[in-house]
Amino acid sequence: MSITAHLVVHLVVQGADRAAAFYREAFGAEELERIPTPDGRLMSVQLRIGDSLVHLADEFPEMGVLAPPTIGGTAVVLALRVADAEAVFAQAIAAGAEVRQPVQDTFWGDRHGQVEDPFGHRWNVDQHLRDVPHDEVLAAAAEAFA
């Protein structure tokens, strides 16, 4: 069965207002709308980064909605495909992100680096440089992980 879908990322953070400001500075996000709750938390802050939508929410522990620091980290990495990885990476660092992997050329054909934002979410910053045949990627991956 085939479905028509559009994936929207929903990030839980400790401080959705601060996170929205960080994503504006780090990745050029545009805020579209926000939905506060009566107790002052934010149920949703809708952002646009490039052509993608990202929703932010404050923690709601009473509903099991928890941010990475509360659960001891994240198993998810968000991938941001950009025209200039060096520039976006530097912008994210200047905004307060921490380097996890410096920007470098990869065997799969991208210029790639990874940052962790101040809210515990990890972001790959990728710039496609060249198409690499699948068999070459497989061989390079086998060598890299041998």
Protein backbone atom coordinates (compact mmCIF):
# COMPACT_ATOMS: atom_id res chain seq x y z
CA MET A 1 0.00 0.00 0.00
CA SER A 2 1.33 3.41 -0.94
CA ILE A 3 0.43 6.50 1.04
CA THR A 4 0.86 10.17 0.35
CA ALA A 5 2.58 11.72 3.32
CA HIS A 6 4.64 14.64 4.50
CA LEU A 7 6.84 14.06 7.54
CA VAL A 8 6.78 16.80 10.16
CA VAL A 9 9.31 16.66 12.98
CA HIS A 10 7.99 17.24 16.51
CA LEU A 11 10.73 18.02 19.05
CA VAL A 12 10.20 18.09 22.80
CA VAL A 13 12.50 20.54 24.56
CA GLN A 14 13.04 22.13 27.93
CA GLY A 15 12.16 25.70 26.98
CA ALA A 16 10.30 25.83 23.66
CA ASP A 17 10.48 29.64 23.54
CA ARG A 18 14.30 29.56 23.89
CA ALA A 19 14.50 26.67 21.41
CA ALA A 20 12.51 28.62 18.81
CA ALA A 21 14.96 31.51 19.17
CA PHE A 22 17.92 29.12 18.85
CA TYR A 23 16.53 27.49 15.68
CA ARG A 24 15.90 30.91 14.16
CA GLU A 25 19.52 31.90 14.81
CA ALA A 26 21.13 28.53 14.04
CA PHE A 27 19.15 27.37 11.02
CA GLY A 28 17.20 30.40 9.81
CA ALA A 29 13.87 29.01 11.03
CA GLU A 30 10.76 31.06 10.47
CA GLU A 31 8.13 30.90 13.20
CA LEU A 32 4.66 30.29 11.82
CA GLU A 33 2.53 30.02 14.97
CA ARG A 34 2.52 29.02 18.60
CA ILE A 35 -0.02 27.48 20.95
CA PRO A 36 0.44 28.26 24.66
CA THR A 37 -1.26 26.38 27.47
CA PRO A 38 -2.91 28.14 30.43
CA ASP A 39 0.06 27.30 32.68
CA GLY A 40 2.49 29.12 30.35
CA ARG A 41 4.04 26.14 28.63
CA LEU A 42 4.03 25.88 24.87
CA MET A 43 2.10 22.98 23.41
CA SER A 44 3.40 23.82 19.96
CA VAL A 45 5.66 26.27 18.21
CA GLN A 46 5.49 25.67 14.48
CA LEU A 47 8.66 26.54 12.57
CA ARG A 48 9.68 26.32 8.94
CA ILE A 49 13.29 25.43 8.20
CA GLY A 50 13.78 25.55 4.45
CA ASP A 51 10.82 23.63 3.06
CA SER A 52 10.33 21.50 6.19
CA LEU A 53 8.06 21.99 9.19
CA VAL A 54 9.26 21.49 12.75
CA HIS A 55 7.01 21.62 15.80
CA LEU A 56 8.50 22.34 19.22
CA ALA A 57 6.82 21.57 22.50
CA ASP A 58 7.72 22.08 26.12
CA GLU A 59 7.86 19.00 28.31
CA PHE A 60 4.57 17.66 29.62
CA PRO A 61 5.77 14.97 32.07
CA GLU A 62 2.22 14.27 33.20
CA MET A 63 1.57 13.03 29.65
CA GLY A 64 4.92 11.27 29.14
CA VAL A 65 6.15 14.02 26.80
CA LEU A 66 9.82 14.38 27.74
CA ALA A 67 12.92 16.08 26.33
CA PRO A 68 16.30 14.38 25.70
CA PRO A 69 17.97 15.60 28.94
CA THR A 70 15.12 14.12 30.98
CA ILE A 71 15.41 10.70 29.34
CA GLY A 72 19.22 10.63 29.20
CA GLY A 73 19.76 11.60 25.55
CA THR A 74 18.27 10.93 22.16
CA ALA A 75 18.38 8.05 19.70
CA VAL A 76 17.31 10.31 16.84
CA VAL A 77 19.49 12.37 14.52
CA LEU A 78 17.87 15.00 12.33
CA ALA A 79 19.46 15.49 8.91
CA LEU A 80 19.52 18.97 7.43
CA ARG A 81 20.47 19.02 3.71
CA VAL A 82 21.90 22.44 2.86
CA ALA A 83 23.71 24.22 0.03
CA ASP A 84 26.71 25.21 2.21
CA ALA A 85 27.49 22.85 5.09
CA GLU A 86 30.42 24.91 6.36
CA ALA A 87 28.32 28.08 6.67
CA VAL A 88 25.32 26.41 8.33
CA PHE A 89 27.57 24.43 10.68
CA ALA A 90 29.42 27.61 11.72
CA GLN A 91 26.09 29.43 12.19
CA ALA A 92 24.80 26.64 14.45
CA ILE A 93 28.00 26.68 16.53
CA ALA A 94 27.82 30.47 16.85
CA ALA A 95 24.22 30.12 18.06
CA GLY A 96 25.27 27.70 20.82
CA ALA A 97 25.36 24.19 19.32
CA GLU A 98 28.21 21.85 20.24
CA VAL A 99 30.34 20.00 17.70
CA ARG A 100 29.84 16.22 17.72
CA GLN A 101 31.55 15.56 14.36
CA PRO A 102 33.43 18.29 12.50
CA VAL A 103 32.51 18.97 8.90
CA GLN A 104 34.39 16.74 6.48
CA ASP A 105 34.00 15.02 3.12
CA THR A 106 32.47 11.55 3.36
CA PHE A 107 32.75 8.36 1.34
CA TRP A 108 29.05 8.56 0.46
CA GLY A 109 29.54 11.88 -1.36
CA ASP A 110 28.46 14.50 1.17
CA ARG A 111 30.23 17.22 3.12
CA HIS A 112 28.97 16.25 6.57
CA GLY A 113 29.16 17.33 10.19
CA GLN A 114 27.04 16.84 13.30
CA VAL A 115 26.07 19.22 16.09
CA GLU A 116 24.07 18.84 19.26
CA ASP A 117 21.78 21.73 20.00
CA PRO A 118 21.42 23.18 23.53
CA PHE A 119 18.22 21.14 23.97
CA GLY A 120 19.79 17.70 23.42
CA HIS A 121 18.80 17.14 19.79
CA ARG A 122 21.44 16.07 17.27
CA TRP A 123 21.58 17.51 13.77
CA ASN A 124 23.54 16.27 10.77
CA VAL A 125 24.44 19.13 8.47
CA ASP A 126 24.95 17.71 4.98
CA GLN A 127 25.87 19.19 1.63
CA HIS A 128 25.70 16.81 -1.33
CA LEU A 129 28.93 17.00 -3.31
CA ARG A 130 28.79 14.07 -5.71
CA ASP A 131 26.89 10.91 -6.52
CA VAL A 132 28.79 7.78 -5.50
CA PRO A 133 27.89 4.40 -7.00
CA HIS A 134 26.18 2.16 -4.44
CA ASP A 135 28.84 -0.57 -4.71
CA GLU A 136 31.55 1.99 -3.87
CA VAL A 137 29.56 3.18 -0.82
CA LEU A 138 29.16 -0.44 0.33
CA ALA A 139 32.88 -1.14 -0.06
CA ALA A 140 33.87 2.07 1.75
CA ALA A 141 31.40 1.39 4.57
CA ALA A 142 32.76 -2.14 4.99
CA GLU A 143 36.28 -0.73 5.23
CA ALA A 144 35.29 2.08 7.61
CA PHE A 145 33.47 -0.27 9.98
CA ALA A 146 35.82 -3.27 9.72
